[in-house]
Amino acid sequence: MGDHKCAAIAAAQKNANLSDADLAAKINSTPARVTEIINGNATPTEAEFKALATALGIADVPHTGVHATT
């Protein structure tokens, strides 16, 4: 996963055992939007990234906007 910041979100989501719907509810978003972000199909806004990181307890992870295609 390297330095792919949304991979950090995906890993934290998996560790927390939260579905995309669960995580979306925590950040007042939609499951589809969370799925797009986690899969690298959409770049989260800075606010979305911060909300995701905070909801998952990884608020210190900076968002570079770089997404891997792995």
PDB file of N, CA and C in Angstrom:
ATOM      1  N   MET A   1       0.822  -1.202   0.000  1.00  0.00           N
ATOM      2  CA  MET A   1       0.000   0.000   0.000  1.00  0.00           C
ATOM      3  C   MET A   1       0.860   1.257   0.000  1.00  0.00           C
ATOM      4  N   GLY A   2       2.062   1.185   0.484  1.00  0.00           N
ATOM      5  CA  GLY A   2       2.974   2.307   0.387  1.00  0.00           C
ATOM      6  C   GLY A   2       2.463   3.569   1.028  1.00  0.00           C
ATOM      7  N   ASP A   3       2.594   4.678   0.318  1.00  0.00           N
ATOM      8  CA  ASP A   3       2.223   5.981   0.852  1.00  0.00           C
ATOM      9  C   ASP A   3       0.831   6.407   0.382  1.00  0.00           C
ATOM     10  N   HIS A   4       0.032   5.448  -0.040  1.00  0.00           N
ATOM     11  CA  HIS A   4      -1.324   5.740  -0.521  1.00  0.00           C
ATOM     12  C   HIS A   4      -2.210   6.045   0.675  1.00  0.00           C
ATOM     13  N   LYS A   5      -2.525   7.325   0.885  1.00  0.00           N
ATOM     14  CA  LYS A   5      -3.185   7.765   2.115  1.00  0.00           C
ATOM     15  C   LYS A   5      -4.578   7.190   2.282  1.00  0.00           C
ATOM     16  N   CYS A   6      -5.333   7.019   1.207  1.00  0.00           N
ATOM     17  CA  CYS A   6      -6.661   6.427   1.363  1.00  0.00           C
ATOM     18  C   CYS A   6      -6.555   4.951   1.689  1.00  0.00           C
ATOM     19  N   ALA A   7      -5.397   4.357   1.407  1.00  0.00           N
ATOM     20  CA  ALA A   7      -5.160   2.990   1.847  1.00  0.00           C
ATOM     21  C   ALA A   7      -5.117   2.950   3.373  1.00  0.00           C
ATOM     22  N   ALA A   8      -4.613   4.009   3.984  1.00  0.00           N
ATOM     23  CA  ALA A   8      -4.614   4.086   5.447  1.00  0.00           C
ATOM     24  C   ALA A   8      -6.048   4.117   5.959  1.00  0.00           C
ATOM     25  N   ILE A   9      -6.905   4.828   5.270  1.00  0.00           N
ATOM     26  CA  ILE A   9      -8.326   4.879   5.632  1.00  0.00           C
ATOM     27  C   ILE A   9      -8.941   3.487   5.469  1.00  0.00           C
ATOM     28  N   ALA A  10      -8.646   2.835   4.348  1.00  0.00           N
ATOM     29  CA  ALA A  10      -9.202   1.505   4.091  1.00  0.00           C
ATOM     30  C   ALA A  10      -8.739   0.506   5.148  1.00  0.00           C
ATOM     31  N   ALA A  11      -7.463   0.558   5.514  1.00  0.00           N
ATOM     32  CA  ALA A  11      -6.944  -0.355   6.520  1.00  0.00           C
ATOM     33  C   ALA A  11      -7.588  -0.098   7.880  1.00  0.00           C
ATOM     34  N   ALA A  12      -7.738   1.165   8.227  1.00  0.00           N
ATOM     35  CA  ALA A  12      -8.366   1.503   9.510  1.00  0.00           C
ATOM     36  C   ALA A  12      -9.834   1.079   9.518  1.00  0.00           C
ATOM     37  N   GLN A  13     -10.496   1.233   8.396  1.00  0.00           N
ATOM     38  CA  GLN A  13     -11.896   0.815   8.288  1.00  0.00           C
ATOM     39  C   GLN A  13     -12.003  -0.693   8.490  1.00  0.00           C
ATOM     40  N   LYS A  14     -11.111  -1.428   7.855  1.00  0.00           N
ATOM     41  CA  LYS A  14     -11.116  -2.887   7.995  1.00  0.00           C
ATOM     42  C   LYS A  14     -10.834  -3.283   9.449  1.00  0.00           C
ATOM     43  N   ASN A  15      -9.840  -2.636  10.062  1.00  0.00           N
ATOM     44  CA  ASN A  15      -9.499  -2.944  11.453  1.00  0.00           C
ATOM     45  C   ASN A  15     -10.648  -2.629  12.398  1.00  0.00           C
ATOM     46  N   ALA A  16     -11.427  -1.597  12.081  1.00  0.00           N
ATOM     47  CA  ALA A  16     -12.565  -1.216  12.915  1.00  0.00           C
ATOM     48  C   ALA A  16     -13.799  -2.054  12.604  1.00  0.00           C
ATOM     49  N   ASN A  17     -13.700  -2.894  11.559  1.00  0.00           N
ATOM     50  CA  ASN A  17     -14.808  -3.747  11.144  1.00  0.00           C
ATOM     51  C   ASN A  17     -16.060  -2.935  10.826  1.00  0.00           C
ATOM     52  N   LEU A  18     -15.851  -1.840  10.084  1.00  0.00           N
ATOM     53  CA  LEU A  18     -16.963  -0.975   9.681  1.00  0.00           C
ATOM     54  C   LEU A  18     -17.244  -1.150   8.200  1.00  0.00           C
ATOM     55  N   SER A  19     -18.503  -1.267   7.849  1.00  0.00           N
ATOM     56  CA  SER A  19     -18.883  -1.305   6.437  1.00  0.00           C
ATOM     57  C   SER A  19     -18.812   0.116   5.880  1.00  0.00           C
ATOM     58  N   ASP A  20     -18.897   0.234   4.572  1.00  0.00           N
ATOM     59  CA  ASP A  20     -18.939   1.562   3.961  1.00  0.00           C
ATOM     60  C   ASP A  20     -20.148   2.339   4.469  1.00  0.00           C
ATOM     61  N   ALA A  21     -21.266   1.639   4.670  1.00  0.00           N
ATOM     62  CA  ALA A  21     -22.475   2.296   5.185  1.00  0.00           C
ATOM     63  C   ALA A  21     -22.261   2.791   6.607  1.00  0.00           C
ATOM     64  N   ASP A  22     -21.597   1.974   7.440  1.00  0.00           N
ATOM     65  CA  ASP A  22     -21.310   2.392   8.814  1.00  0.00           C
ATOM     66  C   ASP A  22     -20.438   3.643   8.828  1.00  0.00           C
ATOM     67  N   LEU A  23     -19.385   3.610   8.022  1.00  0.00           N
ATOM     68  CA  LEU A  23     -18.458   4.739   7.977  1.00  0.00           C
ATOM     69  C   LEU A  23     -19.142   5.978   7.400  1.00  0.00           C
ATOM     70  N   ALA A  24     -19.955   5.791   6.390  1.00  0.00           N
ATOM     71  CA  ALA A  24     -20.684   6.913   5.802  1.00  0.00           C
ATOM     72  C   ALA A  24     -21.585   7.578   6.834  1.00  0.00           C
ATOM     73  N   ALA A  25     -22.246   6.773   7.640  1.00  0.00           N
ATOM     74  CA  ALA A  25     -23.124   7.325   8.674  1.00  0.00           C
ATOM     75  C   ALA A  25     -22.331   8.151   9.681  1.00  0.00           C
ATOM     76  N   LYS A  26     -21.115   7.716   9.983  1.00  0.00           N
ATOM     77  CA  LYS A  26     -20.280   8.442  10.944  1.00  0.00           C
ATOM     78  C   LYS A  26     -19.841   9.808  10.420  1.00  0.00           C
ATOM     79  N   ILE A  27     -19.722   9.943   9.086  1.00  0.00           N
ATOM     80  CA  ILE A  27     -19.240  11.209   8.522  1.00  0.00           C
ATOM     81  C   ILE A  27     -20.327  11.972   7.762  1.00  0.00           C
ATOM     82  N   ASN A  28     -21.576  11.515   7.905  1.00  0.00           N
ATOM     83  CA  ASN A  28     -22.700  12.174   7.245  1.00  0.00           C
ATOM     84  C   ASN A  28     -22.515  12.225   5.727  1.00  0.00           C
ATOM     85  N   SER A  29     -22.222  11.061   5.164  1.00  0.00           N
ATOM     86  CA  SER A  29     -22.027  10.939   3.722  1.00  0.00           C
ATOM     87  C   SER A  29     -22.847   9.748   3.241  1.00  0.00           C
ATOM     88  N   THR A  30     -22.575   9.309   2.017  1.00  0.00           N
ATOM     89  CA  THR A  30     -23.286   8.153   1.477  1.00  0.00           C
ATOM     90  C   THR A  30     -22.331   6.961   1.364  1.00  0.00           C
ATOM     91  N   PRO A  31     -22.860   5.756   1.464  1.00  0.00           N
ATOM     92  CA  PRO A  31     -22.007   4.576   1.283  1.00  0.00           C
ATOM     93  C   PRO A  31     -21.301   4.578  -0.080  1.00  0.00           C
ATOM     94  N   ALA A  32     -21.999   5.028  -1.105  1.00  0.00           N
ATOM     95  CA  ALA A  32     -21.395   5.061  -2.443  1.00  0.00           C
ATOM     96  C   ALA A  32     -20.178   5.993  -2.484  1.00  0.00           C
ATOM     97  N   ARG A  33     -20.277   7.133  -1.830  1.00  0.00           N
ATOM     98  CA  ARG A  33     -19.160   8.078  -1.804  1.00  0.00           C
ATOM     99  C   ARG A  33     -17.978   7.482  -1.042  1.00  0.00           C
ATOM    100  N   VAL A  34     -18.239   6.837   0.080  1.00  0.00           N
ATOM    101  CA  VAL A  34     -17.168   6.203   0.853  1.00  0.00           C
ATOM    102  C   VAL A  34     -16.502   5.115   0.012  1.00  0.00           C
ATOM    103  N   THR A  35     -17.288   4.306  -0.668  1.00  0.00           N
ATOM    104  CA  THR A  35     -16.746   3.255  -1.525  1.00  0.00           C
ATOM    105  C   THR A  35     -15.845   3.839  -2.597  1.00  0.00           C
ATOM    106  N   GLU A  36     -16.285   4.915  -3.248  1.00  0.00           N
ATOM    107  CA  GLU A  36     -15.477   5.562  -4.290  1.00  0.00           C
ATOM    108  C   GLU A  36     -14.139   6.030  -3.723  1.00  0.00           C
ATOM    109  N   ILE A  37     -14.164   6.620  -2.545  1.00  0.00           N
ATOM    110  CA  ILE A  37     -12.943   7.130  -1.924  1.00  0.00           C
ATOM    111  C   ILE A  37     -12.016   5.983  -1.554  1.00  0.00           C
ATOM    112  N   ILE A  38     -12.549   4.974  -0.883  1.00  0.00           N
ATOM    113  CA  ILE A  38     -11.742   3.842  -0.437  1.00  0.00           C
ATOM    114  C   ILE A  38     -11.108   3.120  -1.623  1.00  0.00           C
ATOM    115  N   ASN A  39     -11.850   2.970  -2.697  1.00  0.00           N
ATOM    116  CA  ASN A  39     -11.352   2.265  -3.876  1.00  0.00           C
ATOM    117  C   ASN A  39     -10.453   3.121  -4.751  1.00  0.00           C
ATOM    118  N   GLY A  40     -10.306   4.400  -4.431  1.00  0.00           N
ATOM    119  CA  GLY A  40      -9.458   5.280  -5.232  1.00  0.00           C
ATOM    120  C   GLY A  40     -10.123   5.781  -6.493  1.00  0.00           C
ATOM    121  N   ASN A  41     -11.445   5.622  -6.587  1.00  0.00           N
ATOM    122  CA  ASN A  41     -12.171   6.097  -7.765  1.00  0.00           C
ATOM    123  C   ASN A  41     -12.607   7.543  -7.645  1.00  0.00           C
ATOM    124  N   ALA A  42     -12.432   8.130  -6.464  1.00  0.00           N
ATOM    125  CA  ALA A  42     -12.762   9.538  -6.228  1.00  0.00           C
ATOM    126  C   ALA A  42     -11.759  10.070  -5.215  1.00  0.00           C
ATOM    127  N   THR A  43     -11.365  11.306  -5.406  1.00  0.00           N
ATOM    128  CA  THR A  43     -10.468  11.952  -4.465  1.00  0.00           C
ATOM    129  C   THR A  43     -11.306  12.694  -3.439  1.00  0.00           C
ATOM    130  N   PRO A  44     -11.121  12.375  -2.163  1.00  0.00           N
ATOM    131  CA  PRO A  44     -11.915  13.065  -1.145  1.00  0.00           C
ATOM    132  C   PRO A  44     -11.484  14.518  -1.012  1.00  0.00           C
ATOM    133  N   THR A  45     -12.429  15.337  -0.666  1.00  0.00           N
ATOM    134  CA  THR A  45     -12.074  16.709  -0.328  1.00  0.00           C
ATOM    135  C   THR A  45     -11.256  16.657   0.960  1.00  0.00           C
ATOM    136  N   GLU A  46     -10.596  17.732   1.285  1.00  0.00           N
ATOM    137  CA  GLU A  46      -9.840  17.776   2.537  1.00  0.00           C
ATOM    138  C   GLU A  46     -10.771  17.541   3.724  1.00  0.00           C
ATOM    139  N   ALA A  47     -11.970  18.117   3.670  1.00  0.00           N
ATOM    140  CA  ALA A  47     -12.944  17.945   4.756  1.00  0.00           C
ATOM    141  C   ALA A  47     -13.385  16.487   4.869  1.00  0.00           C
ATOM    142  N   GLU A  48     -13.631  15.832   3.735  1.00  0.00           N
ATOM    143  CA  GLU A  48     -14.021  14.421   3.762  1.00  0.00           C
ATOM    144  C   GLU A  48     -12.903  13.564   4.340  1.00  0.00           C
ATOM    145  N   PHE A  49     -11.689  13.831   3.903  1.00  0.00           N
ATOM    146  CA  PHE A  49     -10.567  13.041   4.380  1.00  0.00           C
ATOM    147  C   PHE A  49     -10.393  13.203   5.886  1.00  0.00           C
ATOM    148  N   LYS A  50     -10.460  14.429   6.344  1.00  0.00           N
ATOM    149  CA  LYS A  50     -10.325  14.680   7.786  1.00  0.00           C
ATOM    150  C   LYS A  50     -11.441  13.996   8.561  1.00  0.00           C
ATOM    151  N   ALA A  51     -12.671  14.041   8.036  1.00  0.00           N
ATOM    152  CA  ALA A  51     -13.794  13.390   8.710  1.00  0.00           C
ATOM    153  C   ALA A  51     -13.590  11.881   8.774  1.00  0.00           C
ATOM    154  N   LEU A  52     -13.139  11.288   7.677  1.00  0.00           N
ATOM    155  CA  LEU A  52     -12.881   9.858   7.653  1.00  0.00           C
ATOM    156  C   LEU A  52     -11.777   9.490   8.647  1.00  0.00           C
ATOM    157  N   ALA A  53     -10.687  10.228   8.595  1.00  0.00           N
ATOM    158  CA  ALA A  53      -9.564   9.942   9.485  1.00  0.00           C
ATOM    159  C   ALA A  53      -9.973  10.089  10.951  1.00  0.00           C
ATOM    160  N   THR A  54     -10.701  11.138  11.250  1.00  0.00           N
ATOM    161  CA  THR A  54     -11.142  11.362  12.622  1.00  0.00           C
ATOM    162  C   THR A  54     -12.082  10.252  13.082  1.00  0.00           C
ATOM    163  N   ALA A  55     -13.022   9.867  12.224  1.00  0.00           N
ATOM    164  CA  ALA A  55     -13.977   8.807  12.569  1.00  0.00           C
ATOM    165  C   ALA A  55     -13.271   7.483  12.833  1.00  0.00           C
ATOM    166  N   LEU A  56     -12.109   7.311  12.201  1.00  0.00           N
ATOM    167  CA  LEU A  56     -11.374   6.056  12.347  1.00  0.00           C
ATOM    168  C   LEU A  56     -10.208   6.154  13.323  1.00  0.00           C
ATOM    169  N   GLY A  57     -10.050   7.327  13.926  1.00  0.00           N
ATOM    170  CA  GLY A  57      -8.996   7.498  14.921  1.00  0.00           C
ATOM    171  C   GLY A  57      -7.605   7.636  14.356  1.00  0.00           C
ATOM    172  N   ILE A  58      -7.502   8.086  13.112  1.00  0.00           N
ATOM    173  CA  ILE A  58      -6.187   8.273  12.496  1.00  0.00           C
ATOM    174  C   ILE A  58      -6.038   9.698  11.972  1.00  0.00           C
ATOM    175  N   ALA A  59      -6.420  10.650  12.789  1.00  0.00           N
ATOM    176  CA  ALA A  59      -6.456  12.052  12.376  1.00  0.00           C
ATOM    177  C   ALA A  59      -5.094  12.625  12.009  1.00  0.00           C
ATOM    178  N   ASP A  60      -3.993  11.956  12.358  1.00  0.00           N
ATOM    179  CA  ASP A  60      -2.674  12.487  12.042  1.00  0.00           C
ATOM    180  C   ASP A  60      -2.196  12.141  10.640  1.00  0.00           C
ATOM    181  N   VAL A  61      -2.975  11.410   9.868  1.00  0.00           N
ATOM    182  CA  VAL A  61      -2.567  11.036   8.517  1.00  0.00           C
ATOM    183  C   VAL A  61      -2.866  12.175   7.556  1.00  0.00           C
ATOM    184  N   PRO A  62      -1.839  12.744   6.916  1.00  0.00           N
ATOM    185  CA  PRO A  62      -2.081  13.820   5.955  1.00  0.00           C
ATOM    186  C   PRO A  62      -2.668  13.266   4.660  1.00  0.00           C
ATOM    187  N   HIS A  63      -3.438  14.062   3.972  1.00  0.00           N
ATOM    188  CA  HIS A  63      -3.997  13.646   2.688  1.00  0.00           C
ATOM    189  C   HIS A  63      -3.232  14.321   1.573  1.00  0.00           C
ATOM    190  N   THR A  64      -2.648  13.530   0.699  1.00  0.00           N
ATOM    191  CA  THR A  64      -1.875  14.063  -0.418  1.00  0.00           C
ATOM    192  C   THR A  64      -2.703  14.169  -1.682  1.00  0.00           C
ATOM    193  N   GLY A  65      -3.844  13.498  -1.714  1.00  0.00           N
ATOM    194  CA  GLY A  65      -4.642  13.472  -2.936  1.00  0.00           C
ATOM    195  C   GLY A  65      -4.155  12.448  -3.934  1.00  0.00           C
ATOM    196  N   VAL A  66      -3.072  11.736  -3.617  1.00  0.00           N
ATOM    197  CA  VAL A  66      -2.520  10.726  -4.497  1.00  0.00           C
ATOM    198  C   VAL A  66      -3.218   9.400  -4.257  1.00  0.00           C
ATOM    199  N   HIS A  67      -3.637   8.755  -5.321  1.00  0.00           N
ATOM    200  CA  HIS A  67      -4.346   7.486  -5.199  1.00  0.00           C
ATOM    201  C   HIS A  67      -3.680   6.432  -6.056  1.00  0.00           C
ATOM    202  N   ALA A  68      -3.448   5.290  -5.458  1.00  0.00           N
ATOM    203  CA  ALA A  68      -2.877   4.157  -6.175  1.00  0.00           C
ATOM    204  C   ALA A  68      -3.961   3.412  -6.924  1.00  0.00           C
ATOM    205  N   THR A  69      -3.576   2.630  -7.891  1.00  0.00           N
ATOM    206  CA  THR A  69      -4.544   1.842  -8.651  1.00  0.00           C
ATOM    207  C   THR A  69      -4.336   0.357  -8.394  1.00  0.00           C
ATOM    208  N   THR A  70      -3.984   0.010  -7.160  1.00  0.00           N
ATOM    209  CA  THR A  70      -3.737  -1.392  -6.824  1.00  0.00           C
ATOM    210  C   THR A  70      -5.004  -2.086  -6.424  1.00  0.00           C
TER     211      THR A  70
END
